[in-house]
Amino acid sequence: MTKRLTILALLVLAIPLFAQDQKPAPTLKSVLLQQLKDTHTNSNWFVCADVAVAGVTPEQANWTDGKGNHSVGQLAYHIWFWNERNLRSMRGEHPEKFTGNNDETFDKFDAKSWNDTVQKMDAVLTELEKMVENADEAKLKAIAPTIANINAHNAYHIGEIVMVRKEQGSWDPKKGVN
């Protein structure tokens, strides 16, 4: 009997220790925010945008393989373009006029504006994170499908950026993808 009480007492004493190790259950906000950060500044399962474009020169940003694939700069501009439009829309603002021709979202990139493109992409990704952080439950439920699609879209094109850099020989495999 004493042995059983000792084991039971140890288990009861250990419960608070186990409870301390457990993280809170994920919420819609925490999942969407983590995905936004993983595609922006936190390389997790894949390379984030900041790492994907780090150290790219305007010449490298403008380089294409000559097979009709996009350049790093075109992909970064495209990410910025769609994130900006969606951010404005979720804020209830009217995005700039757009013809609907998705090719334009790549073709407006100019190597002279590479640094500006990177800054704009970083800024819009930061604003999306702030929007999710500050959203109340009703707003979060309203924007969640759009944020989820933004995250998937960004991850897809960031992967393309890494592939272009690998093809041009400007990718350092120590940054996360061999």
C-alpha atoms as a PDB file:
ATOM      1  CA  MET A   1       0.000   0.000   0.000  1.00  0.00           C
ATOM      2  CA  THR A   2       2.797   2.407   0.846  1.00  0.00           C
ATOM      3  CA  LYS A   3       4.481   1.725  -2.499  1.00  0.00           C
ATOM      4  CA  ARG A   4       1.244   2.577  -4.363  1.00  0.00           C
ATOM      5  CA  LEU A   5       0.785   5.816  -2.435  1.00  0.00           C
ATOM      6  CA  THR A   6       4.381   6.813  -3.143  1.00  0.00           C
ATOM      7  CA  ILE A   7       3.923   6.239  -6.895  1.00  0.00           C
ATOM      8  CA  LEU A   8       0.611   8.097  -6.835  1.00  0.00           C
ATOM      9  CA  ALA A   9       2.187  10.985  -4.911  1.00  0.00           C
ATOM     10  CA  LEU A  10       5.032  11.178  -7.443  1.00  0.00           C
ATOM     11  CA  LEU A  11       2.550  11.251 -10.319  1.00  0.00           C
ATOM     12  CA  VAL A  12       0.504  13.999  -8.686  1.00  0.00           C
ATOM     13  CA  LEU A  13       3.660  16.027  -8.092  1.00  0.00           C
ATOM     14  CA  ALA A  14       4.791  15.482 -11.693  1.00  0.00           C
ATOM     15  CA  ILE A  15       1.549  16.733 -13.284  1.00  0.00           C
ATOM     16  CA  PRO A  16       2.486  20.425 -12.955  1.00  0.00           C
ATOM     17  CA  LEU A  17       5.861  19.668 -14.540  1.00  0.00           C
ATOM     18  CA  PHE A  18       4.185  18.094 -17.584  1.00  0.00           C
ATOM     19  CA  ALA A  19       1.712  20.945 -17.823  1.00  0.00           C
ATOM     20  CA  GLN A  20       4.565  23.463 -17.979  1.00  0.00           C
ATOM     21  CA  ASP A  21       6.106  21.689 -20.969  1.00  0.00           C
ATOM     22  CA  GLN A  22       2.933  21.763 -23.024  1.00  0.00           C
ATOM     23  CA  LYS A  23       2.414  24.623 -25.431  1.00  0.00           C
ATOM     24  CA  PRO A  24      -1.007  26.190 -25.782  1.00  0.00           C
ATOM     25  CA  ALA A  25      -3.174  24.708 -28.486  1.00  0.00           C
ATOM     26  CA  PRO A  26      -2.709  26.465 -31.822  1.00  0.00           C
ATOM     27  CA  THR A  27      -5.340  28.974 -32.806  1.00  0.00           C
ATOM     28  CA  LEU A  28      -6.372  30.197 -36.222  1.00  0.00           C
ATOM     29  CA  LYS A  29      -4.432  33.400 -35.553  1.00  0.00           C
ATOM     30  CA  SER A  30      -1.285  31.613 -34.402  1.00  0.00           C
ATOM     31  CA  VAL A  31      -1.266  29.253 -37.389  1.00  0.00           C
ATOM     32  CA  LEU A  32      -1.809  32.001 -39.978  1.00  0.00           C
ATOM     33  CA  LEU A  33       0.752  34.243 -38.310  1.00  0.00           C
ATOM     34  CA  GLN A  34       3.322  31.447 -38.168  1.00  0.00           C
ATOM     35  CA  GLN A  35       2.789  30.733 -41.875  1.00  0.00           C
ATOM     36  CA  LEU A  36       3.200  34.410 -42.717  1.00  0.00           C
ATOM     37  CA  LYS A  37       6.429  34.594 -40.746  1.00  0.00           C
ATOM     38  CA  ASP A  38       7.683  31.332 -42.279  1.00  0.00           C
ATOM     39  CA  THR A  39       7.247  32.761 -45.768  1.00  0.00           C
ATOM     40  CA  HIS A  40       8.715  36.130 -44.767  1.00  0.00           C
ATOM     41  CA  THR A  41      11.520  36.013 -42.184  1.00  0.00           C
ATOM     42  CA  ASN A  42      11.646  32.542 -40.648  1.00  0.00           C
ATOM     43  CA  SER A  43      13.024  29.725 -42.786  1.00  0.00           C
ATOM     44  CA  ASN A  44      11.285  26.720 -41.329  1.00  0.00           C
ATOM     45  CA  TRP A  45      10.244  23.887 -43.646  1.00  0.00           C
ATOM     46  CA  PHE A  46      11.423  25.946 -46.619  1.00  0.00           C
ATOM     47  CA  VAL A  47      13.434  29.072 -47.332  1.00  0.00           C
ATOM     48  CA  CYS A  48      11.703  32.341 -46.460  1.00  0.00           C
ATOM     49  CA  ALA A  49      11.517  35.396 -48.739  1.00  0.00           C
ATOM     50  CA  ASP A  50      14.183  37.351 -46.861  1.00  0.00           C
ATOM     51  CA  VAL A  51      16.721  34.560 -47.303  1.00  0.00           C
ATOM     52  CA  ALA A  52      15.654  33.815 -50.884  1.00  0.00           C
ATOM     53  CA  VAL A  53      16.413  37.366 -52.077  1.00  0.00           C
ATOM     54  CA  ALA A  54      19.313  38.195 -49.751  1.00  0.00           C
ATOM     55  CA  GLY A  55      22.434  39.320 -51.589  1.00  0.00           C
ATOM     56  CA  VAL A  56      20.841  39.293 -55.048  1.00  0.00           C
ATOM     57  CA  THR A  57      22.259  42.031 -57.268  1.00  0.00           C
ATOM     58  CA  PRO A  58      20.074  43.928 -59.755  1.00  0.00           C
ATOM     59  CA  GLU A  59      21.805  42.013 -62.565  1.00  0.00           C
ATOM     60  CA  GLN A  60      21.053  38.663 -60.917  1.00  0.00           C
ATOM     61  CA  ALA A  61      17.481  39.787 -60.229  1.00  0.00           C
ATOM     62  CA  ASN A  62      17.028  40.508 -63.941  1.00  0.00           C
ATOM     63  CA  TRP A  63      18.587  37.240 -65.202  1.00  0.00           C
ATOM     64  CA  THR A  64      16.410  34.691 -66.984  1.00  0.00           C
ATOM     65  CA  ASP A  65      17.249  31.276 -68.381  1.00  0.00           C
ATOM     66  CA  GLY A  66      16.058  32.266 -71.858  1.00  0.00           C
ATOM     67  CA  LYS A  67      13.367  29.569 -71.793  1.00  0.00           C
ATOM     68  CA  GLY A  68      10.455  31.812 -70.860  1.00  0.00           C
ATOM     69  CA  ASN A  69      10.805  31.390 -67.090  1.00  0.00           C
ATOM     70  CA  HIS A  70      10.638  34.393 -64.784  1.00  0.00           C
ATOM     71  CA  SER A  71      13.565  36.176 -63.204  1.00  0.00           C
ATOM     72  CA  VAL A  72      14.035  36.563 -59.447  1.00  0.00           C
ATOM     73  CA  GLY A  73      13.014  40.203 -59.816  1.00  0.00           C
ATOM     74  CA  GLN A  74       9.853  39.350 -61.717  1.00  0.00           C
ATOM     75  CA  LEU A  75       8.875  36.798 -59.080  1.00  0.00           C
ATOM     76  CA  ALA A  76       9.533  39.210 -56.201  1.00  0.00           C
ATOM     77  CA  TYR A  77       7.533  41.940 -57.967  1.00  0.00           C
ATOM     78  CA  HIS A  78       4.684  39.476 -58.555  1.00  0.00           C
ATOM     79  CA  ILE A  79       4.661  38.493 -54.858  1.00  0.00           C
ATOM     80  CA  TRP A  80       4.600  42.162 -53.852  1.00  0.00           C
ATOM     81  CA  PHE A  81       1.874  43.015 -56.396  1.00  0.00           C
ATOM     82  CA  TRP A  82      -0.609  40.363 -55.255  1.00  0.00           C
ATOM     83  CA  ASN A  83       0.120  40.789 -51.556  1.00  0.00           C
ATOM     84  CA  GLU A  84      -0.405  44.544 -51.845  1.00  0.00           C
ATOM     85  CA  ARG A  85      -3.701  44.134 -53.724  1.00  0.00           C
ATOM     86  CA  ASN A  86      -5.002  41.624 -51.219  1.00  0.00           C
ATOM     87  CA  LEU A  87      -3.882  43.699 -48.234  1.00  0.00           C
ATOM     88  CA  ARG A  88      -5.694  46.762 -49.586  1.00  0.00           C
ATOM     89  CA  SER A  89      -8.786  44.703 -50.292  1.00  0.00           C
ATOM     90  CA  MET A  90      -8.832  43.207 -46.780  1.00  0.00           C
ATOM     91  CA  ARG A  91      -8.499  46.738 -45.367  1.00  0.00           C
ATOM     92  CA  GLY A  92     -11.546  47.792 -47.365  1.00  0.00           C
ATOM     93  CA  GLU A  93      -9.449  50.010 -49.640  1.00  0.00           C
ATOM     94  CA  HIS A  94      -9.634  50.029 -53.417  1.00  0.00           C
ATOM     95  CA  PRO A  95      -6.563  48.547 -55.074  1.00  0.00           C
ATOM     96  CA  GLU A  96      -5.133  50.268 -58.138  1.00  0.00           C
ATOM     97  CA  LYS A  97      -6.812  49.534 -61.452  1.00  0.00           C
ATOM     98  CA  PHE A  98      -5.720  46.236 -62.951  1.00  0.00           C
ATOM     99  CA  THR A  99      -6.459  44.817 -66.384  1.00  0.00           C
ATOM    100  CA  GLY A 100      -6.625  41.263 -65.092  1.00  0.00           C
ATOM    101  CA  ASN A 101      -3.658  40.180 -67.208  1.00  0.00           C
ATOM    102  CA  ASN A 102      -1.446  38.261 -64.750  1.00  0.00           C
ATOM    103  CA  ASP A 103       1.564  38.619 -67.100  1.00  0.00           C
ATOM    104  CA  GLU A 104       1.632  42.310 -66.163  1.00  0.00           C
ATOM    105  CA  THR A 105       2.328  41.351 -62.550  1.00  0.00           C
ATOM    106  CA  PHE A 106       5.665  39.951 -63.697  1.00  0.00           C
ATOM    107  CA  ASP A 107       6.504  42.206 -66.634  1.00  0.00           C
ATOM    108  CA  LYS A 108       6.488  45.510 -64.753  1.00  0.00           C
ATOM    109  CA  PHE A 109       9.731  44.622 -62.959  1.00  0.00           C
ATOM    110  CA  ASP A 110      12.744  46.777 -63.812  1.00  0.00           C
ATOM    111  CA  ALA A 111      16.242  45.846 -62.593  1.00  0.00           C
ATOM    112  CA  LYS A 112      16.858  49.516 -61.670  1.00  0.00           C
ATOM    113  CA  SER A 113      14.121  49.182 -59.058  1.00  0.00           C
ATOM    114  CA  TRP A 114      15.359  45.885 -57.553  1.00  0.00           C
ATOM    115  CA  ASN A 115      16.161  47.315 -54.114  1.00  0.00           C
ATOM    116  CA  ASP A 116      12.803  49.120 -54.061  1.00  0.00           C
ATOM    117  CA  THR A 117      11.023  45.885 -55.042  1.00  0.00           C
ATOM    118  CA  VAL A 118      12.687  44.015 -52.161  1.00  0.00           C
ATOM    119  CA  GLN A 119      11.760  46.795 -49.713  1.00  0.00           C
ATOM    120  CA  LYS A 120       8.151  46.882 -50.918  1.00  0.00           C
ATOM    121  CA  MET A 121       7.858  43.090 -50.679  1.00  0.00           C
ATOM    122  CA  ASP A 122       9.261  43.168 -47.128  1.00  0.00           C
ATOM    123  CA  ALA A 123       6.931  46.009 -46.130  1.00  0.00           C
ATOM    124  CA  VAL A 124       3.770  44.348 -47.425  1.00  0.00           C
ATOM    125  CA  LEU A 125       4.666  41.043 -45.759  1.00  0.00           C
ATOM    126  CA  THR A 126       5.200  42.928 -42.487  1.00  0.00           C
ATOM    127  CA  GLU A 127       1.836  44.669 -42.887  1.00  0.00           C
ATOM    128  CA  LEU A 128       0.076  41.346 -43.463  1.00  0.00           C
ATOM    129  CA  GLU A 129       1.601  40.016 -40.239  1.00  0.00           C
ATOM    130  CA  LYS A 130       0.432  43.116 -38.351  1.00  0.00           C
ATOM    131  CA  MET A 131      -3.058  42.728 -39.792  1.00  0.00           C
ATOM    132  CA  VAL A 132      -3.329  39.163 -38.513  1.00  0.00           C
ATOM    133  CA  GLU A 133      -1.781  40.044 -35.139  1.00  0.00           C
ATOM    134  CA  ASN A 134      -4.288  42.869 -34.609  1.00  0.00           C
ATOM    135  CA  ALA A 135      -7.370  41.195 -36.070  1.00  0.00           C
ATOM    136  CA  ASP A 136     -10.283  40.467 -33.778  1.00  0.00           C
ATOM    137  CA  GLU A 137     -12.011  37.085 -34.129  1.00  0.00           C
ATOM    138  CA  ALA A 138     -14.615  38.282 -36.658  1.00  0.00           C
ATOM    139  CA  LYS A 139     -12.020  39.973 -38.883  1.00  0.00           C
ATOM    140  CA  LEU A 140      -9.728  36.961 -38.606  1.00  0.00           C
ATOM    141  CA  LYS A 141     -12.462  34.589 -39.751  1.00  0.00           C
ATOM    142  CA  ALA A 142     -13.237  36.896 -42.680  1.00  0.00           C
ATOM    143  CA  ILE A 143      -9.634  37.170 -43.890  1.00  0.00           C
ATOM    144  CA  ALA A 144      -8.385  33.658 -43.026  1.00  0.00           C
ATOM    145  CA  PRO A 145      -9.051  32.078 -46.443  1.00  0.00           C
ATOM    146  CA  THR A 146      -7.241  34.933 -48.196  1.00  0.00           C
ATOM    147  CA  ILE A 147      -4.297  34.798 -45.784  1.00  0.00           C
ATOM    148  CA  ALA A 148      -4.030  31.025 -46.233  1.00  0.00           C
ATOM    149  CA  ASN A 149      -3.943  31.450 -50.017  1.00  0.00           C
ATOM    150  CA  ILE A 150      -1.383  34.248 -49.726  1.00  0.00           C
ATOM    151  CA  ASN A 151       0.850  31.961 -47.688  1.00  0.00           C
ATOM    152  CA  ALA A 152       0.624  29.122 -50.232  1.00  0.00           C
ATOM    153  CA  HIS A 153       1.153  31.524 -53.141  1.00  0.00           C
ATOM    154  CA  ASN A 154       4.190  33.126 -51.486  1.00  0.00           C
ATOM    155  CA  ALA A 155       5.764  29.770 -50.626  1.00  0.00           C
ATOM    156  CA  TYR A 156       5.315  28.593 -54.230  1.00  0.00           C
ATOM    157  CA  HIS A 157       6.988  31.640 -55.763  1.00  0.00           C
ATOM    158  CA  ILE A 158       9.743  31.780 -53.131  1.00  0.00           C
ATOM    159  CA  GLY A 159      10.580  28.218 -54.163  1.00  0.00           C
ATOM    160  CA  GLU A 160      10.793  29.427 -57.751  1.00  0.00           C
ATOM    161  CA  ILE A 161      13.168  32.213 -56.686  1.00  0.00           C
ATOM    162  CA  VAL A 162      15.476  29.651 -55.092  1.00  0.00           C
ATOM    163  CA  MET A 163      15.330  27.474 -58.216  1.00  0.00           C
ATOM    164  CA  VAL A 164      16.215  30.421 -60.481  1.00  0.00           C
ATOM    165  CA  ARG A 165      19.115  31.292 -58.204  1.00  0.00           C
ATOM    166  CA  LYS A 166      20.301  27.684 -58.271  1.00  0.00           C
ATOM    167  CA  GLU A 167      20.127  27.654 -62.051  1.00  0.00           C
ATOM    168  CA  GLN A 168      22.071  30.904 -62.361  1.00  0.00           C
ATOM    169  CA  GLY A 169      24.636  29.701 -59.831  1.00  0.00           C
ATOM    170  CA  SER A 170      23.947  32.417 -57.245  1.00  0.00           C
ATOM    171  CA  TRP A 171      22.370  30.210 -54.554  1.00  0.00           C
ATOM    172  CA  ASP A 172      24.368  29.257 -51.454  1.00  0.00           C
ATOM    173  CA  PRO A 173      23.133  25.778 -50.425  1.00  0.00           C
ATOM    174  CA  LYS A 174      24.105  26.551 -46.813  1.00  0.00           C
ATOM    175  CA  LYS A 175      21.083  28.842 -46.724  1.00  0.00           C
ATOM    176  CA  GLY A 176      18.677  25.949 -46.527  1.00  0.00           C
ATOM    177  CA  VAL A 177      18.186  24.167 -49.833  1.00  0.00           C
ATOM    178  CA  ASN A 178      20.808  22.067 -51.601  1.00  0.00           C
END
